[in-house]
Each structure stands twice: as C-alpha cells, then as structure tokens.
Amino acid sequence: MPADAKPPHNATLAAFGERVRARRHELGWSQEVAADHIGIHWTHLGQVERGQRSSRIENVLKIAAGLDTTPGRLLDGLPSE
C-alpha cells in the first residue's frame, strides 16, 4: 500500500470490500461499469472496495442487485468488531 493510501476503517469493511471487488472481477467489469449497474458513483464503489466507506443497508442492497448477487453472499460470515 502506498504511504499516502488510507487503510480500511476496520476488518469488517475490508472483508466486505474484498467480496464486492471479487464479484465485480467475476463479472469482468471495471469499477465504472459496475458502478453504472449499481447506480452509484465509481469513486464511491472504490471506497467501498478499499474498506474506506461504510454502506447503509440501502446501498448494500443496491450493490448486491447491481452485481447480480445476494446481500447474503456479500455479508454472511463477515468478521464483526
């Protein structure tokens, strides 16, 4: 990680972001394409993927739907602080 890069807020957000990124990669989509499908700005998606942004439940549902998956696939078994 570059010296000026912000770390994830916590392990839960980092793990959630990794799952979102993995699903996006499964679909073969760039952040811009995925964000368009989800209905959020690509910078917001990047922050989610890096664990730097905590998403409201409405956005978790939008992310799951936009990535053609379930909220459970993105959330089940995440570490809790």
PDB file of N, CA and C in Angstrom:
ATOM      1  N   MET A   1       0.852  -1.176   0.000  1.00  0.00           N
ATOM      2  CA  MET A   1       0.000   0.000   0.000  1.00  0.00           C
ATOM      3  C   MET A   1       0.895   1.236   0.000  1.00  0.00           C
ATOM      4  N   PRO A   2       0.620   2.199  -0.877  1.00  0.00           N
ATOM      5  CA  PRO A   2       1.417   3.419  -0.884  1.00  0.00           C
ATOM      6  C   PRO A   2       1.351   4.124   0.461  1.00  0.00           C
ATOM      7  N   ALA A   3       2.390   4.871   0.795  1.00  0.00           N
ATOM      8  CA  ALA A   3       2.477   5.524   2.093  1.00  0.00           C
ATOM      9  C   ALA A   3       1.319   6.480   2.349  1.00  0.00           C
ATOM     10  N   ASP A   4       0.782   7.106   1.298  1.00  0.00           N
ATOM     11  CA  ASP A   4      -0.299   8.075   1.484  1.00  0.00           C
ATOM     12  C   ASP A   4      -1.691   7.461   1.341  1.00  0.00           C
ATOM     13  N   ALA A   5      -1.778   6.156   1.129  1.00  0.00           N
ATOM     14  CA  ALA A   5      -3.079   5.494   0.957  1.00  0.00           C
ATOM     15  C   ALA A   5      -3.759   5.318   2.310  1.00  0.00           C
ATOM     16  N   LYS A   6      -5.071   5.526   2.313  1.00  0.00           N
ATOM     17  CA  LYS A   6      -5.836   5.343   3.541  1.00  0.00           C
ATOM     18  C   LYS A   6      -6.090   3.854   3.760  1.00  0.00           C
ATOM     19  N   PRO A   7      -5.921   3.390   4.982  1.00  0.00           N
ATOM     20  CA  PRO A   7      -6.216   1.980   5.263  1.00  0.00           C
ATOM     21  C   PRO A   7      -7.723   1.777   5.416  1.00  0.00           C
ATOM     22  N   PRO A   8      -8.183   0.514   5.373  1.00  0.00           N
ATOM     23  CA  PRO A   8      -9.598   0.241   5.643  1.00  0.00           C
ATOM     24  C   PRO A   8      -9.953   0.706   7.056  1.00  0.00           C
ATOM     25  N   HIS A   9     -11.219   1.068   7.253  1.00  0.00           N
ATOM     26  CA  HIS A   9     -11.673   1.508   8.575  1.00  0.00           C
ATOM     27  C   HIS A   9     -11.595   0.377   9.597  1.00  0.00           C
ATOM     28  N   ASN A  10     -11.936  -0.836   9.165  1.00  0.00           N
ATOM     29  CA  ASN A  10     -11.879  -1.980  10.068  1.00  0.00           C
ATOM     30  C   ASN A  10     -11.923  -3.271   9.247  1.00  0.00           C
ATOM     31  N   ALA A  11     -11.772  -4.396   9.935  1.00  0.00           N
ATOM     32  CA  ALA A  11     -11.717  -5.690   9.253  1.00  0.00           C
ATOM     33  C   ALA A  11     -13.035  -6.040   8.562  1.00  0.00           C
ATOM     34  N   THR A  12     -14.151  -5.624   9.138  1.00  0.00           N
ATOM     35  CA  THR A  12     -15.449  -5.915   8.538  1.00  0.00           C
ATOM     36  C   THR A  12     -15.591  -5.222   7.192  1.00  0.00           C
ATOM     37  N   LEU A  13     -15.292  -3.937   7.148  1.00  0.00           N
ATOM     38  CA  LEU A  13     -15.396  -3.193   5.890  1.00  0.00           C
ATOM     39  C   LEU A  13     -14.376  -3.680   4.865  1.00  0.00           C
ATOM     40  N   ALA A  14     -13.192  -4.063   5.333  1.00  0.00           N
ATOM     41  CA  ALA A  14     -12.180  -4.590   4.410  1.00  0.00           C
ATOM     42  C   ALA A  14     -12.664  -5.889   3.769  1.00  0.00           C
ATOM     43  N   ALA A  15     -13.239  -6.785   4.573  1.00  0.00           N
ATOM     44  CA  ALA A  15     -13.720  -8.071   4.048  1.00  0.00           C
ATOM     45  C   ALA A  15     -14.904  -7.868   3.108  1.00  0.00           C
ATOM     46  N   PHE A  16     -15.824  -6.956   3.465  1.00  0.00           N
ATOM     47  CA  PHE A  16     -16.958  -6.662   2.593  1.00  0.00           C
ATOM     48  C   PHE A  16     -16.456  -6.126   1.256  1.00  0.00           C
ATOM     49  N   GLY A  17     -15.523  -5.198   1.308  1.00  0.00           N
ATOM     50  CA  GLY A  17     -14.965  -4.627   0.088  1.00  0.00           C
ATOM     51  C   GLY A  17     -14.287  -5.661  -0.785  1.00  0.00           C
ATOM     52  N   GLU A  18     -13.583  -6.595  -0.169  1.00  0.00           N
ATOM     53  CA  GLU A  18     -12.937  -7.667  -0.932  1.00  0.00           C
ATOM     54  C   GLU A  18     -13.972  -8.523  -1.652  1.00  0.00           C
ATOM     55  N   ARG A  19     -15.098  -8.779  -0.996  1.00  0.00           N
ATOM     56  CA  ARG A  19     -16.158  -9.572  -1.632  1.00  0.00           C
ATOM     57  C   ARG A  19     -16.792  -8.822  -2.796  1.00  0.00           C
ATOM     58  N   VAL A  20     -17.000  -7.532  -2.611  1.00  0.00           N
ATOM     59  CA  VAL A  20     -17.563  -6.721  -3.696  1.00  0.00           C
ATOM     60  C   VAL A  20     -16.605  -6.722  -4.882  1.00  0.00           C
ATOM     61  N   ARG A  21     -15.320  -6.499  -4.620  1.00  0.00           N
ATOM     62  CA  ARG A  21     -14.321  -6.476  -5.696  1.00  0.00           C
ATOM     63  C   ARG A  21     -14.244  -7.840  -6.392  1.00  0.00           C
ATOM     64  N   ALA A  22     -14.271  -8.919  -5.605  1.00  0.00           N
ATOM     65  CA  ALA A  22     -14.197 -10.262  -6.189  1.00  0.00           C
ATOM     66  C   ALA A  22     -15.383 -10.519  -7.115  1.00  0.00           C
ATOM     67  N   ARG A  23     -16.567 -10.101  -6.693  1.00  0.00           N
ATOM     68  CA  ARG A  23     -17.754 -10.303  -7.535  1.00  0.00           C
ATOM     69  C   ARG A  23     -17.647  -9.467  -8.806  1.00  0.00           C
ATOM     70  N   ARG A  24     -17.180  -8.241  -8.673  1.00  0.00           N
ATOM     71  CA  ARG A  24     -17.004  -7.389  -9.849  1.00  0.00           C
ATOM     72  C   ARG A  24     -16.021  -8.031 -10.819  1.00  0.00           C
ATOM     73  N   HIS A  25     -14.944  -8.588 -10.294  1.00  0.00           N
ATOM     74  CA  HIS A  25     -13.963  -9.268 -11.152  1.00  0.00           C
ATOM     75  C   HIS A  25     -14.562 -10.510 -11.800  1.00  0.00           C
ATOM     76  N   GLU A  26     -15.396 -11.260 -11.063  1.00  0.00           N
ATOM     77  CA  GLU A  26     -16.075 -12.426 -11.644  1.00  0.00           C
ATOM     78  C   GLU A  26     -16.886 -12.022 -12.873  1.00  0.00           C
ATOM     79  N   LEU A  27     -17.489 -10.847 -12.799  1.00  0.00           N
ATOM     80  CA  LEU A  27     -18.301 -10.351 -13.907  1.00  0.00           C
ATOM     81  C   LEU A  27     -17.454  -9.741 -15.017  1.00  0.00           C
ATOM     82  N   GLY A  28     -16.175  -9.509 -14.739  1.00  0.00           N
ATOM     83  CA  GLY A  28     -15.287  -8.922 -15.730  1.00  0.00           C
ATOM     84  C   GLY A  28     -15.524  -7.442 -15.951  1.00  0.00           C
ATOM     85  N   TRP A  29     -16.018  -6.764 -14.924  1.00  0.00           N
ATOM     86  CA  TRP A  29     -16.378  -5.359 -15.046  1.00  0.00           C
ATOM     87  C   TRP A  29     -15.340  -4.445 -14.417  1.00  0.00           C
ATOM     88  N   SER A  30     -15.166  -3.278 -15.016  1.00  0.00           N
ATOM     89  CA  SER A  30     -14.376  -2.214 -14.393  1.00  0.00           C
ATOM     90  C   SER A  30     -15.219  -1.594 -13.276  1.00  0.00           C
ATOM     91  N   GLN A  31     -14.582  -0.775 -12.447  1.00  0.00           N
ATOM     92  CA  GLN A  31     -15.344  -0.078 -11.416  1.00  0.00           C
ATOM     93  C   GLN A  31     -16.410   0.821 -12.042  1.00  0.00           C
ATOM     94  N   GLU A  32     -16.078   1.448 -13.155  1.00  0.00           N
ATOM     95  CA  GLU A  32     -17.018   2.356 -13.796  1.00  0.00           C
ATOM     96  C   GLU A  32     -18.259   1.609 -14.290  1.00  0.00           C
ATOM     97  N   VAL A  33     -18.048   0.460 -14.925  1.00  0.00           N
ATOM     98  CA  VAL A  33     -19.174  -0.334 -15.431  1.00  0.00           C
ATOM     99  C   VAL A  33     -20.012  -0.848 -14.270  1.00  0.00           C
ATOM    100  N   ALA A  34     -19.350  -1.374 -13.236  1.00  0.00           N
ATOM    101  CA  ALA A  34     -20.084  -1.891 -12.077  1.00  0.00           C
ATOM    102  C   ALA A  34     -20.875  -0.783 -11.395  1.00  0.00           C
ATOM    103  N   ALA A  35     -20.260   0.363 -11.212  1.00  0.00           N
ATOM    104  CA  ALA A  35     -20.944   1.477 -10.556  1.00  0.00           C
ATOM    105  C   ALA A  35     -22.176   1.896 -11.346  1.00  0.00           C
ATOM    106  N   ASP A  36     -22.085   1.862 -12.665  1.00  0.00           N
ATOM    107  CA  ASP A  36     -23.231   2.197 -13.504  1.00  0.00           C
ATOM    108  C   ASP A  36     -24.369   1.197 -13.286  1.00  0.00           C
ATOM    109  N   HIS A  37     -24.039  -0.090 -13.210  1.00  0.00           N
ATOM    110  CA  HIS A  37     -25.058  -1.124 -12.962  1.00  0.00           C
ATOM    111  C   HIS A  37     -25.665  -0.970 -11.570  1.00  0.00           C
ATOM    112  N   ILE A  38     -24.846  -0.579 -10.612  1.00  0.00           N
ATOM    113  CA  ILE A  38     -25.302  -0.449  -9.229  1.00  0.00           C
ATOM    114  C   ILE A  38     -26.112   0.829  -9.035  1.00  0.00           C
ATOM    115  N   GLY A  39     -25.704   1.893  -9.724  1.00  0.00           N
ATOM    116  CA  GLY A  39     -26.373   3.179  -9.559  1.00  0.00           C
ATOM    117  C   GLY A  39     -25.695   4.077  -8.554  1.00  0.00           C
ATOM    118  N   ILE A  40     -24.380   3.910  -8.391  1.00  0.00           N
ATOM    119  CA  ILE A  40     -23.593   4.774  -7.518  1.00  0.00           C
ATOM    120  C   ILE A  40     -22.408   5.301  -8.324  1.00  0.00           C
ATOM    121  N   HIS A  41     -21.725   6.291  -7.787  1.00  0.00           N
ATOM    122  CA  HIS A  41     -20.550   6.840  -8.464  1.00  0.00           C
ATOM    123  C   HIS A  41     -19.387   5.870  -8.309  1.00  0.00           C
ATOM    124  N   TRP A  42     -18.520   5.807  -9.320  1.00  0.00           N
ATOM    125  CA  TRP A  42     -17.407   4.852  -9.279  1.00  0.00           C
ATOM    126  C   TRP A  42     -16.446   5.148  -8.134  1.00  0.00           C
ATOM    127  N   THR A  43     -16.322   6.407  -7.706  1.00  0.00           N
ATOM    128  CA  THR A  43     -15.433   6.699  -6.572  1.00  0.00           C
ATOM    129  C   THR A  43     -16.013   6.131  -5.280  1.00  0.00           C
ATOM    130  N   HIS A  44     -17.331   6.139  -5.161  1.00  0.00           N
ATOM    131  CA  HIS A  44     -17.998   5.531  -4.004  1.00  0.00           C
ATOM    132  C   HIS A  44     -17.704   4.033  -3.985  1.00  0.00           C
ATOM    133  N   LEU A  45     -17.842   3.395  -5.147  1.00  0.00           N
ATOM    134  CA  LEU A  45     -17.558   1.964  -5.231  1.00  0.00           C
ATOM    135  C   LEU A  45     -16.108   1.674  -4.861  1.00  0.00           C
ATOM    136  N   GLY A  46     -15.187   2.486  -5.315  1.00  0.00           N
ATOM    137  CA  GLY A  46     -13.773   2.295  -4.975  1.00  0.00           C
ATOM    138  C   GLY A  46     -13.539   2.380  -3.478  1.00  0.00           C
ATOM    139  N   GLN A  47     -14.190   3.336  -2.822  1.00  0.00           N
ATOM    140  CA  GLN A  47     -14.055   3.457  -1.371  1.00  0.00           C
ATOM    141  C   GLN A  47     -14.631   2.232  -0.661  1.00  0.00           C
ATOM    142  N   VAL A  48     -15.742   1.720  -1.148  1.00  0.00           N
ATOM    143  CA  VAL A  48     -16.330   0.505  -0.569  1.00  0.00           C
ATOM    144  C   VAL A  48     -15.354  -0.654  -0.730  1.00  0.00           C
ATOM    145  N   GLU A  49     -14.805  -0.819  -1.931  1.00  0.00           N
ATOM    146  CA  GLU A  49     -13.896  -1.936  -2.190  1.00  0.00           C
ATOM    147  C   GLU A  49     -12.632  -1.858  -1.341  1.00  0.00           C
ATOM    148  N   ARG A  50     -12.195  -0.660  -1.010  1.00  0.00           N
ATOM    149  CA  ARG A  50     -10.995  -0.495  -0.185  1.00  0.00           C
ATOM    150  C   ARG A  50     -11.309  -0.522   1.311  1.00  0.00           C
ATOM    151  N   GLY A  51     -12.587  -0.677   1.665  1.00  0.00           N
ATOM    152  CA  GLY A  51     -12.976  -0.709   3.077  1.00  0.00           C
ATOM    153  C   GLY A  51     -12.909   0.652   3.740  1.00  0.00           C
ATOM    154  N   GLN A  52     -12.998   1.700   2.945  1.00  0.00           N
ATOM    155  CA  GLN A  52     -12.900   3.059   3.468  1.00  0.00           C
ATOM    156  C   GLN A  52     -14.262   3.719   3.637  1.00  0.00           C
ATOM    157  N   ARG A  53     -15.311   3.031   3.264  1.00  0.00           N
ATOM    158  CA  ARG A  53     -16.653   3.601   3.356  1.00  0.00           C
ATOM    159  C   ARG A  53     -17.616   2.551   3.887  1.00  0.00           C
ATOM    160  N   SER A  54     -18.361   2.922   4.903  1.00  0.00           N
ATOM    161  CA  SER A  54     -19.390   2.056   5.454  1.00  0.00           C
ATOM    162  C   SER A  54     -20.692   2.331   4.709  1.00  0.00           C
ATOM    163  N   SER A  55     -21.306   1.292   4.191  1.00  0.00           N
ATOM    164  CA  SER A  55     -22.510   1.458   3.378  1.00  0.00           C
ATOM    165  C   SER A  55     -23.771   1.259   4.197  1.00  0.00           C
ATOM    166  N   ARG A  56     -24.752   2.127   3.963  1.00  0.00           N
ATOM    167  CA  ARG A  56     -26.073   1.951   4.556  1.00  0.00           C
ATOM    168  C   ARG A  56     -26.705   0.707   3.944  1.00  0.00           C
ATOM    169  N   ILE A  57     -27.686   0.178   4.636  1.00  0.00           N
ATOM    170  CA  ILE A  57     -28.344  -1.044   4.173  1.00  0.00           C
ATOM    171  C   ILE A  57     -28.916  -0.860   2.770  1.00  0.00           C
ATOM    172  N   GLU A  58     -29.440   0.328   2.474  1.00  0.00           N
ATOM    173  CA  GLU A  58     -29.977   0.574   1.135  1.00  0.00           C
ATOM    174  C   GLU A  58     -28.893   0.407   0.068  1.00  0.00           C
ATOM    175  N   ASN A  59     -27.686   0.871   0.366  1.00  0.00           N
ATOM    176  CA  ASN A  59     -26.599   0.747  -0.601  1.00  0.00           C
ATOM    177  C   ASN A  59     -26.076  -0.681  -0.692  1.00  0.00           C
ATOM    178  N   VAL A  60     -26.088  -1.417   0.404  1.00  0.00           N
ATOM    179  CA  VAL A  60     -25.702  -2.830   0.341  1.00  0.00           C
ATOM    180  C   VAL A  60     -26.657  -3.571  -0.587  1.00  0.00           C
ATOM    181  N   LEU A  61     -27.945  -3.278  -0.470  1.00  0.00           N
ATOM    182  CA  LEU A  61     -28.938  -3.917  -1.341  1.00  0.00           C
ATOM    183  C   LEU A  61     -28.720  -3.514  -2.801  1.00  0.00           C
ATOM    184  N   LYS A  62     -28.423  -2.233  -3.055  1.00  0.00           N
ATOM    185  CA  LYS A  62     -28.153  -1.764  -4.416  1.00  0.00           C
ATOM    186  C   LYS A  62     -26.904  -2.428  -4.990  1.00  0.00           C
ATOM    187  N   ILE A  63     -25.866  -2.539  -4.158  1.00  0.00           N
ATOM    188  CA  ILE A  63     -24.619  -3.160  -4.614  1.00  0.00           C
ATOM    189  C   ILE A  63     -24.869  -4.614  -4.994  1.00  0.00           C
ATOM    190  N   ALA A  64     -25.554  -5.343  -4.124  1.00  0.00           N
ATOM    191  CA  ALA A  64     -25.842  -6.751  -4.404  1.00  0.00           C
ATOM    192  C   ALA A  64     -26.658  -6.902  -5.683  1.00  0.00           C
ATOM    193  N   ALA A  65     -27.712  -6.115  -5.821  1.00  0.00           N
ATOM    194  CA  ALA A  65     -28.561  -6.210  -7.012  1.00  0.00           C
ATOM    195  C   ALA A  65     -27.775  -5.839  -8.268  1.00  0.00           C
ATOM    196  N   GLY A  66     -26.993  -4.779  -8.191  1.00  0.00           N
ATOM    197  CA  GLY A  66     -26.220  -4.334  -9.343  1.00  0.00           C
ATOM    198  C   GLY A  66     -25.162  -5.323  -9.777  1.00  0.00           C
ATOM    199  N   LEU A  67     -24.660  -6.106  -8.812  1.00  0.00           N
ATOM    200  CA  LEU A  67     -23.647  -7.121  -9.117  1.00  0.00           C
ATOM    201  C   LEU A  67     -24.279  -8.496  -9.321  1.00  0.00           C
ATOM    202  N   ASP A  68     -25.601  -8.529  -9.429  1.00  0.00           N
ATOM    203  CA  ASP A  68     -26.345  -9.766  -9.683  1.00  0.00           C
ATOM    204  C   ASP A  68     -25.973 -10.858  -8.693  1.00  0.00           C
ATOM    205  N   THR A  69     -26.054 -10.505  -7.408  1.00  0.00           N
ATOM    206  CA  THR A  69     -25.792 -11.455  -6.341  1.00  0.00           C
ATOM    207  C   THR A  69     -26.752 -11.149  -5.202  1.00  0.00           C
ATOM    208  N   THR A  70     -26.581 -11.829  -4.101  1.00  0.00           N
ATOM    209  CA  THR A  70     -27.453 -11.611  -2.951  1.00  0.00           C
ATOM    210  C   THR A  70     -26.708 -10.835  -1.873  1.00  0.00           C
ATOM    211  N   PRO A  71     -27.442 -10.096  -1.047  1.00  0.00           N
ATOM    212  CA  PRO A  71     -26.782  -9.438   0.079  1.00  0.00           C
ATOM    213  C   PRO A  71     -26.091 -10.459   0.986  1.00  0.00           C
ATOM    214  N   GLY A  72     -26.694 -11.625   1.135  1.00  0.00           N
ATOM    215  CA  GLY A  72     -26.096 -12.656   1.974  1.00  0.00           C
ATOM    216  C   GLY A  72     -24.718 -13.078   1.496  1.00  0.00           C
ATOM    217  N   ARG A  73     -24.554 -13.198   0.196  1.00  0.00           N
ATOM    218  CA  ARG A  73     -23.244 -13.582  -0.341  1.00  0.00           C
ATOM    219  C   ARG A  73     -22.179 -12.542   0.008  1.00  0.00           C
ATOM    220  N   LEU A  74     -22.588 -11.304   0.086  1.00  0.00           N
ATOM    221  CA  LEU A  74     -21.638 -10.240   0.414  1.00  0.00           C
ATOM    222  C   LEU A  74     -21.430 -10.071   1.917  1.00  0.00           C
ATOM    223  N   LEU A  75     -22.420 -10.489   2.725  1.00  0.00           N
ATOM    224  CA  LEU A  75     -22.388 -10.202   4.166  1.00  0.00           C
ATOM    225  C   LEU A  75     -22.171 -11.414   5.067  1.00  0.00           C
ATOM    226  N   ASP A  76     -22.669 -12.589   4.670  1.00  0.00           N
ATOM    227  CA  ASP A  76     -22.622 -13.751   5.572  1.00  0.00           C
ATOM    228  C   ASP A  76     -21.197 -14.068   6.012  1.00  0.00           C
ATOM    229  N   GLY A  77     -21.043 -14.196   7.328  1.00  0.00           N
ATOM    230  CA  GLY A  77     -19.777 -14.617   7.889  1.00  0.00           C
ATOM    231  C   GLY A  77     -18.710 -13.542   7.983  1.00  0.00           C
ATOM    232  N   LEU A  78     -19.078 -12.285   7.723  1.00  0.00           N
ATOM    233  CA  LEU A  78     -18.077 -11.221   7.863  1.00  0.00           C
ATOM    234  C   LEU A  78     -17.637 -11.113   9.315  1.00  0.00           C
ATOM    235  N   PRO A  79     -16.388 -10.755   9.544  1.00  0.00           N
ATOM    236  CA  PRO A  79     -15.961 -10.550  10.935  1.00  0.00           C
ATOM    237  C   PRO A  79     -16.691  -9.349  11.525  1.00  0.00           C
ATOM    238  N   SER A  80     -17.046  -9.420  12.777  1.00  0.00           N
ATOM    239  CA  SER A  80     -17.675  -8.276  13.436  1.00  0.00           C
ATOM    240  C   SER A  80     -16.748  -7.760  14.518  1.00  0.00           C
ATOM    241  N   GLU A  81     -16.741  -6.479  14.641  1.00  0.00           N
ATOM    242  CA  GLU A  81     -15.832  -5.826  15.611  1.00  0.00           C
ATOM    243  C   GLU A  81     -16.452  -5.795  16.972  1.00  0.00           C
TER     244      GLU A  81
END
